[in-house]
């Protein structure tokens, strides 16, 4: 984020919450402020999400993406 504050956080969370491509989201510590887990139909849809939805937000400074090539262990339930 290029700006931090409650208004920016609320606005960004609202933006993320309105797009079904984002299937989960976390706030993080250190240099990265947020981690979004997104599911897009293809690279074109991912590009639209980044270029037309996330980057235009007034508080977003940059987006770094990683593409999952394979999931060799499915998400498990948390240990009790």
Protein backbone atom coordinates (compact mmCIF):
# COMPACT_ATOMS: atom_id res chain seq x y z
CA UNK A 1 0.00 0.00 0.00
CA UNK A 2 1.22 3.50 -0.66
CA UNK A 3 -0.97 4.89 2.10
CA UNK A 4 -1.90 3.34 5.42
CA UNK A 5 -4.82 4.21 7.59
CA UNK A 6 -8.22 2.98 8.64
CA UNK A 7 -10.02 4.56 5.68
CA UNK A 8 -7.68 2.95 3.14
CA UNK A 9 -7.88 -0.44 4.87
CA UNK A 10 -11.68 -0.38 4.96
CA UNK A 11 -11.91 0.77 1.36
CA UNK A 12 -9.47 -1.90 0.16
CA UNK A 13 -11.25 -4.64 2.14
CA UNK A 14 -14.55 -3.53 0.62
CA UNK A 15 -13.05 -3.64 -2.89
CA UNK A 16 -11.62 -7.12 -2.34
CA UNK A 17 -14.90 -8.34 -0.83
CA UNK A 18 -16.90 -7.34 -3.88
CA UNK A 19 -14.92 -9.51 -6.31
CA UNK A 20 -15.65 -13.25 -6.22
CA UNK A 21 -12.25 -14.02 -7.76
CA UNK A 22 -10.75 -13.33 -4.33
CA UNK A 23 -11.42 -16.49 -2.37
CA UNK A 24 -9.46 -15.48 0.75
CA UNK A 25 -7.45 -12.54 2.01
CA UNK A 26 -5.03 -11.86 4.84
CA UNK A 27 -3.23 -8.87 6.31
CA UNK A 28 0.49 -9.45 6.78
CA UNK A 29 3.47 -7.98 8.56
CA UNK A 30 6.66 -6.49 7.07
CA UNK A 31 6.87 -5.24 3.47
CA UNK A 32 3.79 -7.00 2.14
CA UNK A 33 0.54 -5.60 3.50
CA UNK A 34 -1.98 -8.06 2.08
CA UNK A 35 -2.05 -11.55 0.61
CA UNK A 36 -4.97 -12.31 -1.67
CA UNK A 37 -5.76 -15.82 -2.82
CA UNK A 38 -7.53 -15.44 -6.13
CA UNK A 39 -8.97 -17.86 -8.62
CA UNK A 40 -9.21 -16.61 -12.19
CA UNK A 41 -10.36 -18.53 -15.24
CA UNK A 42 -7.21 -17.66 -17.19
CA UNK A 43 -4.29 -15.22 -17.38
CA UNK A 44 -6.43 -12.66 -19.17
CA UNK A 45 -8.87 -12.62 -16.25
CA UNK A 46 -5.98 -12.30 -13.80
CA UNK A 47 -4.60 -9.38 -15.80
CA UNK A 48 -7.98 -7.65 -15.71
CA UNK A 49 -8.23 -8.16 -11.95
CA UNK A 50 -4.78 -6.67 -11.39
CA UNK A 51 -4.79 -3.88 -13.99
CA UNK A 52 -8.40 -2.72 -13.89
CA UNK A 53 -9.50 -3.47 -10.32
CA UNK A 54 -6.60 -3.65 -7.84
CA UNK A 55 -4.03 -1.19 -9.20
CA UNK A 56 -6.50 1.68 -9.74
CA UNK A 57 -7.38 1.67 -6.02
CA UNK A 58 -6.01 4.89 -4.51
CA UNK A 59 -4.03 3.12 -1.77
CA UNK A 60 -2.45 0.36 -3.88
CA UNK A 61 1.20 1.02 -4.70
CA UNK A 62 2.04 -2.25 -6.47
CA UNK A 63 0.90 -5.81 -6.96
CA UNK A 64 3.14 -8.86 -7.01
CA UNK A 65 1.62 -12.07 -8.27
CA UNK A 66 2.58 -15.70 -8.00
CA UNK A 67 0.94 -18.43 -10.06
CA UNK A 68 0.42 -21.83 -8.48
CA UNK A 69 1.66 -24.53 -10.82
CA UNK A 70 0.48 -27.53 -8.77
CA UNK A 71 -1.02 -28.27 -5.37
CA UNK A 72 0.55 -31.49 -4.19
CA UNK A 73 -1.10 -31.39 -0.75
CA UNK A 74 -4.67 -30.21 -0.41
CA UNK A 75 -5.67 -27.81 2.32
CA UNK A 76 -6.14 -29.73 5.53
CA UNK A 77 -8.19 -28.95 8.61
CA UNK A 78 -6.34 -27.19 11.38
CA UNK A 79 -4.94 -29.55 14.02
CA UNK A 80 -6.83 -29.66 17.29
